[in-house]
Structures are given as C-alpha cells and as structure tokens.
C-alpha cells in the first residue's frame, strides 16, 4: 500500500507524462523538476545528507522498489 504522499507524487509525475502539449520538452521538464526538488531539500537538509540520499538511490536503481520511511 502506498502512502498518500507517494501516491500524490506518482499522480503528479503521471500528469507530466500524460501532457500531450507539443510545446512540453519532457527531458527539460525533468531537469527542472530535479533542480526544484534539490532546492527544496536544501532548505531543511545538509548538502552531505542530500548527496548521501541521492547516491543511495543511484546505487540501487536496479532494485524493484524504493522504500521510503517517515521519521517517527
């Protein structure tokens, strides 16, 4: 079962994929999305923590599914 946050993120990404606008450059939109996300993360996390998280995900791209847990 997906968390509400994960479900919402997947919906937003699906909407981006489903955009039939000829003026949308999907590769550029993905670059912008990554840049905006990193900027948001940097507001509340240290650069080293962001780098560690990104490196973890890059090292595990071949896994079936990423597991994201909430801090308790």
Protein backbone atom coordinates (compact mmCIF):
# COMPACT_ATOMS: atom_id res chain seq x y z
CA UNK A 1 0.00 0.00 0.00
CA UNK A 2 1.35 3.39 -0.95
CA UNK A 3 1.47 6.32 1.41
CA UNK A 4 -0.67 9.30 0.48
CA UNK A 5 2.48 11.30 -0.27
CA UNK A 6 3.87 8.67 -2.64
CA UNK A 7 0.54 8.29 -4.38
CA UNK A 8 0.30 12.07 -4.91
CA UNK A 9 3.86 12.27 -6.29
CA UNK A 10 3.14 9.40 -8.69
CA UNK A 11 -0.04 11.19 -9.83
CA UNK A 12 1.89 14.40 -10.49
CA UNK A 13 4.55 12.55 -12.49
CA UNK A 14 1.87 10.68 -14.45
CA UNK A 15 0.23 14.01 -15.28
CA UNK A 16 3.58 15.25 -16.58
CA UNK A 17 3.96 12.11 -18.70
CA UNK A 18 0.39 12.40 -19.98
CA UNK A 19 0.75 16.03 -21.04
CA UNK A 20 0.10 15.95 -24.78
CA UNK A 21 1.19 19.53 -25.28
CA UNK A 22 3.59 19.71 -28.20
CA UNK A 23 5.38 22.60 -26.51
CA UNK A 24 6.45 20.50 -23.49
CA UNK A 25 10.01 19.22 -23.60
CA UNK A 26 9.85 16.29 -21.17
CA UNK A 27 13.63 15.98 -20.72
CA UNK A 28 13.88 19.69 -19.86
CA UNK A 29 10.87 19.43 -17.53
CA UNK A 30 12.56 16.53 -15.70
CA UNK A 31 15.75 18.58 -15.32
CA UNK A 32 13.70 21.45 -13.89
CA UNK A 33 11.90 19.07 -11.56
CA UNK A 34 15.19 17.73 -10.21
CA UNK A 35 16.59 21.23 -9.74
CA UNK A 36 13.49 22.43 -7.91
CA UNK A 37 13.42 19.32 -5.72
CA UNK A 38 17.09 19.70 -4.77
CA UNK A 39 16.48 23.37 -3.94
CA UNK A 40 13.57 22.42 -1.68
CA UNK A 41 15.59 19.71 0.06
CA UNK A 42 18.46 22.14 0.65
CA UNK A 43 16.17 24.38 2.72
CA UNK A 44 15.97 21.79 5.50
CA UNK A 45 18.80 19.32 4.93
CA UNK A 46 22.56 19.49 4.76
CA UNK A 47 24.21 19.05 1.36
CA UNK A 48 26.01 15.93 2.59
CA UNK A 49 22.68 14.37 3.62
CA UNK A 50 21.15 15.09 0.20
CA UNK A 51 24.22 13.69 -1.53
CA UNK A 52 24.06 10.53 0.59
CA UNK A 53 20.37 10.02 -0.23
CA UNK A 54 20.90 10.58 -3.96
CA UNK A 55 23.92 8.27 -4.00
CA UNK A 56 21.94 5.57 -2.21
CA UNK A 57 19.18 5.73 -4.82
CA UNK A 58 21.63 5.79 -7.72
CA UNK A 59 23.36 2.71 -6.32
CA UNK A 60 20.04 0.90 -6.05
CA UNK A 61 18.34 1.80 -9.34
CA UNK A 62 18.15 -1.86 -10.31
CA UNK A 63 16.02 -2.72 -7.27
CA UNK A 64 12.32 -3.48 -7.69
CA UNK A 65 11.05 -0.69 -5.48
CA UNK A 66 12.49 2.03 -3.30
CA UNK A 67 11.36 2.07 0.29
CA UNK A 68 10.88 5.48 1.85
CA UNK A 69 10.15 5.61 5.53
CA UNK A 70 8.84 8.51 7.53
CA UNK A 71 10.74 9.74 10.54
CA UNK A 72 8.95 8.95 13.76
